[in-house]
Amino acid sequence: VKVYLNLWVKVKSGWRDNNFNLREFGYNIKDLN
């Protein structure tokens, strides 16, 4: 089965430094340190 996926992604600047964004993406802050 072939699938064509056209995807647009918007990246917020500084997302890696924002704890709220990391939690929203499913990362556990304690595991990252």
Protein backbone atom coordinates (compact mmCIF):
# COMPACT_ATOMS: atom_id res chain seq x y z
CA VAL A 1 0.00 0.00 0.00
CA LYS A 2 1.42 3.36 -1.03
CA VAL A 3 0.50 6.43 0.97
CA TYR A 4 1.13 10.05 -0.01
CA LEU A 5 1.49 12.33 2.98
CA ASN A 6 1.78 16.08 2.61
CA LEU A 7 2.72 17.47 6.01
CA TRP A 8 3.48 20.98 7.25
CA VAL A 9 5.19 21.45 10.60
CA LYS A 10 5.52 24.70 12.49
CA VAL A 11 8.34 24.81 15.05
CA LYS A 12 8.27 27.28 17.92
CA SER A 13 11.61 28.87 18.69
CA GLY A 14 13.03 27.79 22.05
CA TRP A 15 10.66 24.82 22.45
CA ARG A 16 13.43 22.71 24.00
CA ASP A 17 13.87 25.27 26.79
CA ASN A 18 10.17 25.44 27.70
CA ASN A 19 9.06 22.85 30.28
CA PHE A 20 5.39 23.25 29.34
CA ASN A 21 6.10 22.43 25.69
CA LEU A 22 8.22 19.41 26.63
CA ARG A 23 5.43 18.02 28.86
CA GLU A 24 2.91 18.69 26.09
CA PHE A 25 5.02 16.53 23.72
CA GLY A 26 5.10 13.70 26.28
CA TYR A 27 8.59 14.17 27.72
CA ASN A 28 9.18 13.70 31.44
CA ILE A 29 11.36 16.59 32.66
CA LYS A 30 13.03 14.45 35.36
CA ASP A 31 14.15 11.91 32.74
CA LEU A 32 15.83 14.60 30.63
CA ASN A 33 18.23 15.80 33.34
